[in-house]
């Protein structure tokens, strides 16, 4: 989860986004899909903050959120949150 505000957000910069923890049990061959969204785009309009647009649904005069991901140097690491007990045991390790 990341919340960025201010003029520096307009600049192209390297940013690190930490993902929320997820506890899932996966079997060999299972897949995981990563989905990113910016401010629940496109459901929520971007308010310019100057009072020029009233409240209501998004329309043609509202600003758009654009995201470009350059993933050539990206990394994803998965770390166990708990260690599962061997078959036959009931307590987590």
Protein backbone atom coordinates (compact mmCIF):
# COMPACT_ATOMS: atom_id res chain seq x y z
CA UNK A 1 0.00 0.00 0.00
CA UNK A 2 1.38 3.39 -0.93
CA UNK A 3 -0.06 6.89 -0.65
CA UNK A 4 1.78 9.63 -2.54
CA UNK A 5 0.84 13.31 -2.42
CA UNK A 6 2.38 16.60 -3.49
CA UNK A 7 4.08 18.06 -6.54
CA UNK A 8 6.81 15.39 -6.57
CA UNK A 9 4.13 12.88 -7.62
CA UNK A 10 4.07 14.52 -11.06
CA UNK A 11 7.69 13.49 -11.69
CA UNK A 12 8.86 10.16 -13.04
CA UNK A 13 10.75 8.60 -10.15
CA UNK A 14 11.60 5.13 -8.95
CA UNK A 15 9.11 4.14 -6.28
CA UNK A 16 8.96 1.16 -3.99
CA UNK A 17 5.52 -0.15 -3.12
CA UNK A 18 5.16 -2.59 -0.24
CA UNK A 19 2.29 -5.00 -0.71
CA UNK A 20 -0.13 -5.98 2.03
CA UNK A 21 0.51 -9.39 3.57
CA UNK A 22 -1.55 -12.27 2.26
CA UNK A 23 -1.89 -15.69 3.83
CA UNK A 24 -2.66 -18.33 1.22
CA UNK A 25 -2.14 -22.05 0.90
CA UNK A 26 -0.86 -22.97 -2.55
CA UNK A 27 -0.36 -26.41 -3.99
CA UNK A 28 2.34 -27.25 -6.53
CA UNK A 29 1.25 -25.91 -9.92
CA UNK A 30 -1.06 -23.23 -8.46
CA UNK A 31 -0.70 -19.69 -9.81
CA UNK A 32 -0.91 -16.29 -8.19
CA UNK A 33 -1.85 -13.12 -10.09
CA UNK A 34 -0.79 -9.65 -8.97
CA UNK A 35 -3.26 -6.84 -9.66
CA UNK A 36 -2.43 -3.15 -9.16
CA UNK A 37 -4.97 -0.31 -9.06
CA UNK A 38 -4.55 3.43 -8.57
CA UNK A 39 -7.23 5.01 -6.38
CA UNK A 40 -9.72 2.37 -7.55
CA UNK A 41 -9.37 3.81 -11.06
CA UNK A 42 -11.54 4.30 -13.06
CA UNK A 43 -14.41 4.24 -10.56
CA UNK A 44 -13.21 7.27 -8.57
CA UNK A 45 -12.59 10.58 -10.29
CA UNK A 46 -9.55 12.71 -9.49
CA UNK A 47 -10.52 16.02 -7.88
CA UNK A 48 -8.16 18.82 -8.97
CA UNK A 49 -8.56 20.40 -5.52
CA UNK A 50 -9.31 23.90 -6.78
CA UNK A 51 -13.13 23.82 -6.50
CA UNK A 52 -13.64 23.86 -10.27
CA UNK A 53 -15.48 20.52 -10.28
CA UNK A 54 -18.40 19.80 -8.00
CA UNK A 55 -19.22 16.50 -6.38
CA UNK A 56 -20.68 13.73 -8.50
CA UNK A 57 -19.61 10.96 -10.83
CA UNK A 58 -16.55 11.12 -13.06
CA UNK A 59 -17.04 12.99 -16.32
CA UNK A 60 -15.07 14.14 -19.37
CA UNK A 61 -13.54 17.13 -17.53
CA UNK A 62 -12.00 15.09 -14.73
CA UNK A 63 -8.32 14.24 -14.75
CA UNK A 64 -7.15 10.74 -15.61
CA UNK A 65 -4.76 8.57 -13.64
CA UNK A 66 -2.10 7.00 -15.84
CA UNK A 67 0.39 4.42 -14.64
CA UNK A 68 3.32 3.08 -16.60
CA UNK A 69 5.29 0.21 -15.13
CA UNK A 70 8.82 -0.47 -16.30
CA UNK A 71 9.55 -3.82 -14.73
CA UNK A 72 12.97 -4.69 -16.13
CA UNK A 73 14.58 -4.24 -12.68
CA UNK A 74 11.56 -5.27 -10.59
CA UNK A 75 11.70 -7.93 -7.91
CA UNK A 76 9.05 -9.88 -6.05
CA UNK A 77 9.88 -11.95 -3.00
CA UNK A 78 7.57 -14.29 -1.14
CA UNK A 79 8.18 -14.98 2.53
CA UNK A 80 6.28 -17.50 4.64
CA UNK A 81 4.09 -15.95 7.36
CA UNK A 82 3.70 -19.22 9.27
CA UNK A 83 5.24 -22.64 9.02
CA UNK A 84 2.65 -25.34 8.56
CA UNK A 85 2.87 -28.45 10.73
CA UNK A 86 3.84 -31.77 9.20
CA UNK A 87 0.94 -34.09 8.31
CA UNK A 88 -0.56 -35.57 11.47
CA UNK A 89 0.31 -32.60 13.74
CA UNK A 90 -2.28 -29.94 14.55
CA UNK A 91 -0.19 -27.08 16.00
CA UNK A 92 1.51 -24.46 13.84
CA UNK A 93 5.28 -24.29 14.19
